[in-house]
């Protein structure tokens, strides 16, 4: 199919975006759905928003009041958990004034308008929403409402974590963003504290690392995402993300069939979280991520139990349907196996991301650490949680351990209704 014909075909789906390279979106979708490793897509689409300056963003967003998280551009022993950061409201224009300052003139802080769903934000700004499309990657049904936007200054970052639902597509639209990623099996010291639904955090601090904490970690990849590039991050891959300058990105999580089993496991975790955070204000403040406080503390245990049973029913029905289908289907020979290698050869703008050498990873950690010479202002030292060593957190860590939750889920599915 020629480029002009393809443009005519997809023009109704997105207005100001256009193809940079002739390709079949359905084939790229298959590549994404079949790839177990991250992929980088280099500028297969262009959009008007890629041409916007920060002043253009200020014009488009107008006087909307945004909520920014404020973090410290300095050393801390622990990752800068959200519960340890303050928030401030301001317009994008005020944010822009802060973004143009050097970190030391910003009083060593960073600002992040992060993890904001467009179904709640900028709902009437068509100039932004009409420039968001995932058609070129083979996902024409994804709307702006399903996307989240991330706007931050240099140093704004998200602690290393795993997303347990779906897979992630990230579109970088302004500035540069560092991604450190690792496969699910790499032991990055997982923890459910702070607790956030569908997120498993790492205890490791990639922003101001203690290099000794990373001994034995070898299967890591590094990428700097530039404007116009898209990163595909597979299900449950670890990722640490940091703005190298003022940056704006969009992302979407695409659901997967295994999400049903993940929701069953998460419903069990939430039940344990509810029970333990009911012990005291001190416990709930320490365990809960701020965005989970209302959901957990205001929910009734009976409703959470109902959620567990509903998730169990969905999973059992799916298992039954799968078994019934297998019993009635005739064995057929597979003829249409997807050939990832051939597709990658066909599309040179798609790249696999190579592993870092141990030496390169060690140099990266040292460079991250050496940015901060002073350790005095350490608001996250180990003694911070001494008062919780009465066994509550130890019990929480045991109850929410992945092996424990998996065993409970399996036993629930084996029980008769």
Protein backbone atom coordinates (compact mmCIF):
# COMPACT_ATOMS: atom_id res chain seq x y z
CA UNK A 1 0.00 0.00 0.00
CA UNK A 2 1.42 3.39 -0.98
CA UNK A 3 2.05 6.14 1.54
CA UNK A 4 -0.59 8.45 0.03
CA UNK A 5 -3.25 5.73 0.05
CA UNK A 6 -2.43 4.87 3.65
CA UNK A 7 -2.66 8.53 4.68
CA UNK A 8 -6.11 8.75 3.10
CA UNK A 9 -7.21 5.62 4.92
CA UNK A 10 -6.20 6.77 8.38
CA UNK A 11 -6.84 10.50 8.02
CA UNK A 12 -10.27 10.32 9.73
CA UNK A 13 -8.66 8.71 12.78
CA UNK A 14 -6.21 11.48 13.57
CA UNK A 15 -6.10 14.98 12.22
CA UNK A 16 -2.68 16.52 12.49
CA UNK A 17 -0.55 13.40 12.79
CA UNK A 18 1.08 11.87 9.74
CA UNK A 19 3.27 8.94 8.87
CA UNK A 20 7.01 9.44 8.66
CA UNK A 21 7.74 6.00 7.27
CA UNK A 22 5.64 3.60 5.22
CA UNK A 23 4.64 0.75 7.51
CA UNK A 24 1.71 -1.42 8.42
CA UNK A 25 0.29 -0.46 11.85
CA UNK A 26 -1.24 -3.93 12.21
CA UNK A 27 2.20 -5.46 11.82
CA UNK A 28 3.67 -3.15 14.43
CA UNK A 29 0.81 -4.01 16.77
CA UNK A 30 1.65 -7.70 16.33
CA UNK A 31 5.29 -6.92 17.03
CA UNK A 32 4.34 -5.21 20.30
CA UNK A 33 1.91 -7.94 21.35
CA UNK A 34 4.47 -10.67 20.67
CA UNK A 35 7.64 -9.05 22.01
CA UNK A 36 8.86 -10.03 25.46
CA UNK A 37 11.55 -7.32 25.37
CA UNK A 38 11.27 -3.51 25.31
CA UNK A 39 11.24 -1.78 21.94
CA UNK A 40 12.12 1.74 20.84
CA UNK A 41 10.17 3.27 17.95
CA UNK A 42 12.03 6.21 16.44
CA UNK A 43 9.75 8.90 15.05
CA UNK A 44 7.26 6.83 13.09
CA UNK A 45 4.68 9.59 13.56
CA UNK A 46 4.81 13.31 13.87
CA UNK A 47 2.31 15.50 15.67
CA UNK A 48 1.73 19.20 16.00
CA UNK A 49 2.54 18.98 19.71
CA UNK A 50 6.09 17.93 18.84
CA UNK A 51 6.55 21.40 17.37
CA UNK A 52 5.24 23.20 20.44
CA UNK A 53 7.61 25.26 22.52
CA UNK A 54 7.05 25.60 26.26
CA UNK A 55 5.44 28.95 25.49
CA UNK A 56 3.03 27.13 23.14
CA UNK A 57 2.17 24.72 25.97
CA UNK A 58 1.52 27.69 28.25
CA UNK A 59 -0.79 29.21 25.63
CA UNK A 60 -2.70 25.95 25.05
CA UNK A 61 -3.10 25.09 28.73
CA UNK A 62 -4.06 28.66 29.55
CA UNK A 63 -4.95 29.46 33.14
CA UNK A 64 -5.74 25.92 34.28
CA UNK A 65 -4.49 25.34 37.80
CA UNK A 66 -2.26 22.27 38.01
CA UNK A 67 -1.11 20.24 41.00
CA UNK A 68 2.64 19.66 41.14
CA UNK A 69 4.56 17.36 43.45
CA UNK A 70 7.69 18.98 44.92
CA UNK A 71 10.76 16.82 45.42
CA UNK A 72 14.30 17.58 46.52
CA UNK A 73 17.23 17.80 44.13
CA UNK A 74 19.59 16.40 46.77
CA UNK A 75 20.78 13.20 48.39
CA UNK A 76 18.46 10.92 50.32
CA UNK A 77 19.09 7.39 51.54
CA UNK A 78 15.67 6.06 50.57
CA UNK A 79 13.88 6.81 47.30
CA UNK A 80 11.85 10.00 47.42
CA UNK A 81 8.51 8.34 48.14
CA UNK A 82 5.43 10.37 47.31
CA UNK A 83 4.38 10.56 50.97
CA UNK A 84 7.61 12.49 51.64
CA UNK A 85 7.00 15.11 48.95
CA UNK A 86 4.84 18.20 49.27
CA UNK A 87 2.39 19.49 46.66
CA UNK A 88 1.77 22.95 45.25
CA UNK A 89 -0.82 24.31 42.85
CA UNK A 90 0.08 26.75 40.11
CA UNK A 91 -0.52 27.57 36.48
CA UNK A 92 1.70 26.15 33.76
CA UNK A 93 3.10 29.66 33.24
CA UNK A 94 4.36 29.73 36.83
CA UNK A 95 5.75 26.23 36.42
CA UNK A 96 7.56 27.43 33.32
CA UNK A 97 9.20 30.23 35.28
CA UNK A 98 10.51 27.64 37.76
CA UNK A 99 11.58 25.25 35.01
CA UNK A 100 13.80 27.86 33.40
CA UNK A 101 15.85 28.23 36.59
CA UNK A 102 18.87 26.11 37.38
CA UNK A 103 18.24 23.55 40.18
CA UNK A 104 20.27 25.56 42.71
CA UNK A 105 18.10 28.61 42.01
CA UNK A 106 14.98 26.51 42.49
CA UNK A 107 16.10 25.91 46.09
CA UNK A 108 17.23 22.43 45.03
CA UNK A 109 13.76 21.18 44.20
CA UNK A 110 11.95 19.65 41.28
CA UNK A 111 8.29 19.89 40.24
CA UNK A 112 6.20 17.10 38.74
CA UNK A 113 2.66 17.13 37.40
CA UNK A 114 2.67 13.34 37.20
CA UNK A 115 0.33 10.44 36.53
CA UNK A 116 -2.59 12.66 35.51
CA UNK A 117 -5.35 11.00 33.46
CA UNK A 118 -6.67 13.14 30.62
CA UNK A 119 -10.19 11.92 31.36
CA UNK A 120 -9.97 14.26 34.37
CA UNK A 121 -7.57 16.94 33.14
CA UNK A 122 -7.67 19.32 30.13
CA UNK A 123 -11.03 17.85 29.12
CA UNK A 124 -12.00 20.88 27.03
CA UNK A 125 -8.61 21.55 25.39
CA UNK A 126 -9.18 20.05 21.94
CA UNK A 127 -5.93 21.45 20.58
CA UNK A 128 -4.12 19.00 22.85
CA UNK A 129 -6.53 16.07 22.76
CA UNK A 130 -6.89 16.02 18.97
CA UNK A 131 -3.14 15.65 18.62
CA UNK A 132 -3.00 12.38 20.57
CA UNK A 133 -3.30 9.14 18.61
CA UNK A 134 -1.83 5.65 18.76
CA UNK A 135 -3.02 4.70 15.27
CA UNK A 136 0.50 4.33 13.77
CA UNK A 137 1.29 1.61 16.30
CA UNK A 138 -1.92 -0.27 15.50
CA UNK A 139 -4.14 0.92 18.37
CA UNK A 140 -6.75 3.20 16.75
CA UNK A 141 -9.33 2.76 19.50
CA UNK A 142 -7.26 4.36 22.26
CA UNK A 143 -8.62 7.81 23.09
CA UNK A 144 -7.06 10.72 24.92
CA UNK A 145 -9.18 9.82 27.96
CA UNK A 146 -7.18 6.61 28.41
CA UNK A 147 -3.83 8.43 28.41
CA UNK A 148 -1.89 10.04 31.24
CA UNK A 149 0.32 13.10 30.98
CA UNK A 150 3.60 13.80 32.81
CA UNK A 151 5.05 17.33 33.02
CA UNK A 152 8.15 18.00 35.09
CA UNK A 153 11.32 20.00 35.58
CA UNK A 154 14.84 18.61 35.46
CA UNK A 155 15.27 16.02 38.22
CA UNK A 156 11.59 15.14 38.47
CA UNK A 157 11.41 11.37 38.70
CA UNK A 158 9.43 8.28 39.61
CA UNK A 159 11.01 5.72 41.97
CA UNK A 160 11.77 2.36 40.39
CA UNK A 161 8.70 0.13 40.24
CA UNK A 162 6.70 -2.51 38.35
CA UNK A 163 3.21 -2.00 36.91
CA UNK A 164 1.23 -5.22 37.36
CA UNK A 165 -1.58 -4.43 34.90
CA UNK A 166 -1.14 -4.37 31.13
CA UNK A 167 1.85 -3.13 29.16
CA UNK A 168 3.04 0.43 28.71
CA UNK A 169 3.45 2.67 25.65
CA UNK A 170 5.22 5.98 26.27
CA UNK A 171 5.30 8.86 23.78
CA UNK A 172 7.90 11.55 24.49
CA UNK A 173 6.62 14.90 23.26
CA UNK A 174 9.04 17.44 24.78
CA UNK A 175 12.48 17.27 26.38
CA UNK A 176 14.59 14.25 27.26
CA UNK A 177 13.75 11.53 29.74
CA UNK A 178 16.01 8.85 31.20
CA UNK A 179 14.64 5.31 31.52
CA UNK A 180 16.43 2.54 33.43
CA UNK A 181 14.59 -0.74 32.83
CA UNK A 182 15.04 -4.36 33.89
CA UNK A 183 13.09 -7.59 33.35
CA UNK A 184 10.66 -8.90 36.00
CA UNK A 185 13.05 -11.62 37.18
CA UNK A 186 15.78 -9.16 38.13
CA UNK A 187 15.81 -8.81 41.92
CA UNK A 188 15.52 -5.09 42.55
CA UNK A 189 14.38 -5.61 46.15
CA UNK A 190 10.59 -5.37 45.70
CA UNK A 191 8.36 -3.90 48.40
CA UNK A 192 4.67 -3.01 48.76
CA UNK A 193 5.53 -0.08 51.02
CA UNK A 194 4.44 2.45 49.98
CA UNK A 195 1.27 0.66 48.87
CA UNK A 196 -0.24 1.68 45.55
CA UNK A 197 -2.65 -0.47 43.59
CA UNK A 198 -0.95 -2.35 40.74
CA UNK A 199 2.50 -0.93 41.60
CA UNK A 200 5.35 -2.87 43.19
CA UNK A 201 8.16 -0.54 44.20
CA UNK A 202 11.88 -1.22 44.49
CA UNK A 203 13.70 -0.34 47.70
CA UNK A 204 16.67 0.75 45.59
CA UNK A 205 17.29 4.46 45.13
CA UNK A 206 18.31 5.20 41.54
CA UNK A 207 18.18 8.99 42.01
CA UNK A 208 20.97 9.19 44.61
CA UNK A 209 22.19 5.60 44.78
CA UNK A 210 24.45 3.86 47.23
CA UNK A 211 26.45 1.87 44.68
CA UNK A 212 27.01 -1.00 47.14
CA UNK A 213 23.23 -1.62 47.25
CA UNK A 214 23.27 -2.64 43.58
CA UNK A 215 25.77 -5.49 43.81
CA UNK A 216 24.61 -8.55 41.88
CA UNK A 217 22.28 -6.58 39.59
CA UNK A 218 23.35 -7.09 35.99
CA UNK A 219 20.39 -7.33 33.58
CA UNK A 220 19.67 -3.61 33.15
CA UNK A 221 18.99 -1.41 30.15
CA UNK A 222 19.30 2.34 29.77
CA UNK A 223 17.60 4.59 27.26
CA UNK A 224 17.24 8.33 26.84
CA UNK A 225 13.84 8.97 25.27
CA UNK A 226 13.81 11.93 22.87
CA UNK A 227 10.85 13.89 21.48
CA UNK A 228 8.93 11.93 18.86
CA UNK A 229 10.08 8.53 20.16
CA UNK A 230 7.86 5.83 21.62
CA UNK A 231 8.96 3.22 24.14
CA UNK A 232 7.18 -0.11 24.47
CA UNK A 233 7.61 -1.50 27.99
CA UNK A 234 6.40 -5.10 28.43
CA UNK A 235 4.25 -6.36 31.28
CA UNK A 236 5.87 -6.18 34.71
CA UNK A 237 9.21 -4.73 33.63
CA UNK A 238 11.01 -2.64 36.25
CA UNK A 239 11.48 1.01 35.36
CA UNK A 240 13.05 4.11 36.90
CA UNK A 241 12.26 7.36 35.08
CA UNK A 242 13.93 10.79 35.44
CA UNK A 243 13.66 14.04 33.52
CA UNK A 244 17.05 15.16 32.21
CA UNK A 245 15.53 18.57 31.48
CA UNK A 246 12.06 20.03 31.47
CA UNK A 247 10.08 17.25 29.80
CA UNK A 248 6.55 16.26 28.82
CA UNK A 249 5.37 12.78 27.93
CA UNK A 250 2.17 10.84 27.36
CA UNK A 251 1.54 7.18 28.06
CA UNK A 252 -1.14 4.52 27.99
CA UNK A 253 -1.43 1.11 29.62
CA UNK A 254 -2.88 -1.48 27.23
CA UNK A 255 -4.89 -4.22 29.01
CA UNK A 256 -3.76 -7.85 28.80
CA UNK A 257 -5.68 -11.14 29.33
CA UNK A 258 -3.62 -11.88 32.47
CA UNK A 259 -4.92 -8.69 34.11
CA UNK A 260 -7.85 -10.69 35.51
CA UNK A 261 -5.48 -12.87 37.55
CA UNK A 262 -3.51 -9.79 38.59
CA UNK A 263 -6.71 -8.12 39.85
CA UNK A 264 -7.56 -11.17 41.92
CA UNK A 265 -4.10 -11.05 43.52
CA UNK A 266 -4.37 -7.29 44.05
CA UNK A 267 -7.79 -7.61 45.69
CA UNK A 268 -6.25 -9.99 48.24
CA UNK A 269 -3.39 -7.56 48.86
CA UNK A 270 -5.84 -4.70 49.37
CA UNK A 271 -7.74 -6.73 51.97
CA UNK A 272 -4.53 -7.18 53.96
CA UNK A 273 -3.67 -3.49 53.52
CA UNK A 274 -7.08 -2.50 54.86
CA UNK A 275 -6.71 -4.66 57.95
CA UNK A 276 -3.22 -3.44 58.85
CA UNK A 277 -3.77 0.25 58.11
CA UNK A 278 -6.76 0.15 60.46
CA UNK A 279 -4.39 -0.41 63.38
CA UNK A 280 -3.32 3.22 63.73
CA UNK A 281 -2.85 6.53 61.94
CA UNK A 282 0.90 6.02 62.19
CA UNK A 283 0.73 2.69 60.38
CA UNK A 284 -1.56 3.99 57.62
CA UNK A 285 0.64 7.07 57.09
CA UNK A 286 3.69 4.87 56.65
CA UNK A 287 2.17 2.17 54.45
CA UNK A 288 -0.18 4.05 52.13
CA UNK A 289 0.82 6.08 49.11
CA UNK A 290 -1.10 9.39 49.36
CA UNK A 291 -3.23 8.60 46.29
CA UNK A 292 -4.50 5.43 48.01
CA UNK A 293 -5.58 6.89 51.36
CA UNK A 294 -9.19 7.59 50.47
CA UNK A 295 -9.69 4.34 48.58
CA UNK A 296 -8.35 2.14 51.39
CA UNK A 297 -9.45 3.99 54.51
CA UNK A 298 -12.97 4.76 53.28
CA UNK A 299 -13.68 1.26 51.94
CA UNK A 300 -15.62 -1.29 53.98
CA UNK A 301 -14.08 -4.72 54.54
CA UNK A 302 -17.30 -6.31 53.30
CA UNK A 303 -16.96 -4.49 49.96
CA UNK A 304 -13.36 -5.61 49.65
CA UNK A 305 -14.36 -9.22 50.30
CA UNK A 306 -17.00 -8.89 47.60
CA UNK A 307 -14.32 -7.62 45.21
CA UNK A 308 -12.16 -10.67 45.97
CA UNK A 309 -15.09 -12.99 45.24
CA UNK A 310 -15.99 -11.14 42.03
CA UNK A 311 -12.40 -11.33 40.79
CA UNK A 312 -12.30 -15.02 41.70
CA UNK A 313 -15.50 -15.67 39.74
CA UNK A 314 -14.16 -13.89 36.65
CA UNK A 315 -10.92 -15.91 36.76
CA UNK A 316 -12.71 -19.23 37.31
CA UNK A 317 -15.13 -18.56 34.46
CA UNK A 318 -12.23 -17.73 32.17
CA UNK A 319 -10.38 -20.92 33.14
CA UNK A 320 -13.53 -22.97 32.58
CA UNK A 321 -14.17 -21.40 29.16
CA UNK A 322 -10.56 -21.97 28.15
CA UNK A 323 -10.75 -25.65 29.15
CA UNK A 324 -14.09 -26.14 27.39
CA UNK A 325 -12.76 -24.54 24.24
CA UNK A 326 -9.64 -26.73 24.31
CA UNK A 327 -11.74 -29.86 24.79
CA UNK A 328 -13.89 -29.14 21.74
CA UNK A 329 -11.32 -27.76 19.35
CA UNK A 330 -9.61 -30.05 16.90
CA UNK A 331 -5.83 -30.04 16.90
CA UNK A 332 -4.65 -27.86 14.03
CA UNK A 333 -1.15 -27.18 12.83
CA UNK A 334 0.06 -23.64 13.43
CA UNK A 335 0.85 -21.94 10.14
CA UNK A 336 1.00 -18.24 11.05
CA UNK A 337 3.70 -17.99 13.66
CA UNK A 338 4.87 -14.43 14.15
CA UNK A 339 8.45 -13.85 13.03
CA UNK A 340 9.82 -11.02 15.17
CA UNK A 341 13.21 -11.04 13.48
CA UNK A 342 11.75 -10.53 10.03
CA UNK A 343 9.61 -7.61 11.20
CA UNK A 344 12.57 -5.93 12.89
CA UNK A 345 14.59 -6.28 9.67
CA UNK A 346 11.72 -4.76 7.73
CA UNK A 347 11.42 -1.72 9.99
CA UNK A 348 14.83 -0.21 10.84
CA UNK A 349 13.17 2.52 12.92
CA UNK A 350 12.28 -0.12 15.54
CA UNK A 351 15.10 -1.16 17.86
CA UNK A 352 15.62 -3.59 20.69
CA UNK A 353 17.33 -1.99 23.66
CA UNK A 354 20.66 -3.65 24.53
CA UNK A 355 21.74 -4.59 28.05
CA UNK A 356 24.22 -2.34 29.77
CA UNK A 357 27.57 -3.85 30.58
CA UNK A 358 28.31 -4.17 34.33
CA UNK A 359 30.97 -1.49 33.89
CA UNK A 360 28.57 0.92 32.18
CA UNK A 361 25.90 0.35 34.82
CA UNK A 362 28.40 0.96 37.61
CA UNK A 363 29.55 4.20 35.96
CA UNK A 364 25.93 5.31 35.65
CA UNK A 365 25.30 4.69 39.36
CA UNK A 366 28.45 6.58 40.33
CA UNK A 367 27.48 9.53 38.14
CA UNK A 368 24.01 9.61 39.70
CA UNK A 369 25.51 9.57 43.19
CA UNK A 370 28.26 12.10 42.56
CA UNK A 371 25.73 14.78 41.65
CA UNK A 372 25.07 15.16 45.36
CA UNK A 373 28.13 15.75 47.51
CA UNK A 374 26.35 16.54 50.74
CA UNK A 375 24.65 13.74 52.65
CA UNK A 376 23.55 15.90 55.60
CA UNK A 377 20.05 16.58 54.33
CA UNK A 378 18.98 12.93 54.37
CA UNK A 379 15.28 12.84 55.10
CA UNK A 380 15.04 9.16 54.35
CA UNK A 381 17.64 7.52 56.53
CA UNK A 382 17.07 3.99 57.81
CA UNK A 383 16.20 5.21 61.31
CA UNK A 384 13.12 6.87 59.87
CA UNK A 385 11.11 3.65 60.22
CA UNK A 386 12.50 2.39 63.55
CA UNK A 387 9.21 2.96 65.33
CA UNK A 388 7.57 0.46 62.97
CA UNK A 389 9.85 -2.39 63.88
CA UNK A 390 7.21 -3.71 66.28
CA UNK A 391 6.41 -6.37 63.74
CA UNK A 392 3.66 -4.60 61.79
CA UNK A 393 5.78 -3.91 58.72
CA UNK A 394 7.40 -7.33 58.89
CA UNK A 395 3.95 -8.91 58.92
CA UNK A 396 2.85 -6.67 56.07
CA UNK A 397 5.86 -7.63 53.97
CA UNK A 398 5.19 -11.33 54.57
CA UNK A 399 1.47 -11.09 53.79
CA UNK A 400 2.03 -9.14 50.57
CA UNK A 401 4.99 -11.19 49.33
CA UNK A 402 4.40 -12.29 45.75
CA UNK A 403 4.80 -15.98 46.56
CA UNK A 404 2.25 -15.74 49.39
CA UNK A 405 -0.31 -13.86 47.30
CA UNK A 406 0.14 -16.26 44.37
CA UNK A 407 -0.46 -19.24 46.64
CA UNK A 408 -3.61 -17.67 48.11
CA UNK A 409 -4.92 -16.86 44.62
CA UNK A 410 -4.28 -20.41 43.40
CA UNK A 411 -6.06 -21.91 46.40
CA UNK A 412 -9.02 -19.56 45.93
CA UNK A 413 -9.36 -20.66 42.31
CA UNK A 414 -9.25 -24.34 43.31
CA UNK A 415 -12.06 -23.92 45.84
CA UNK A 416 -15.60 -24.74 44.82
CA UNK A 417 -18.01 -21.83 44.67
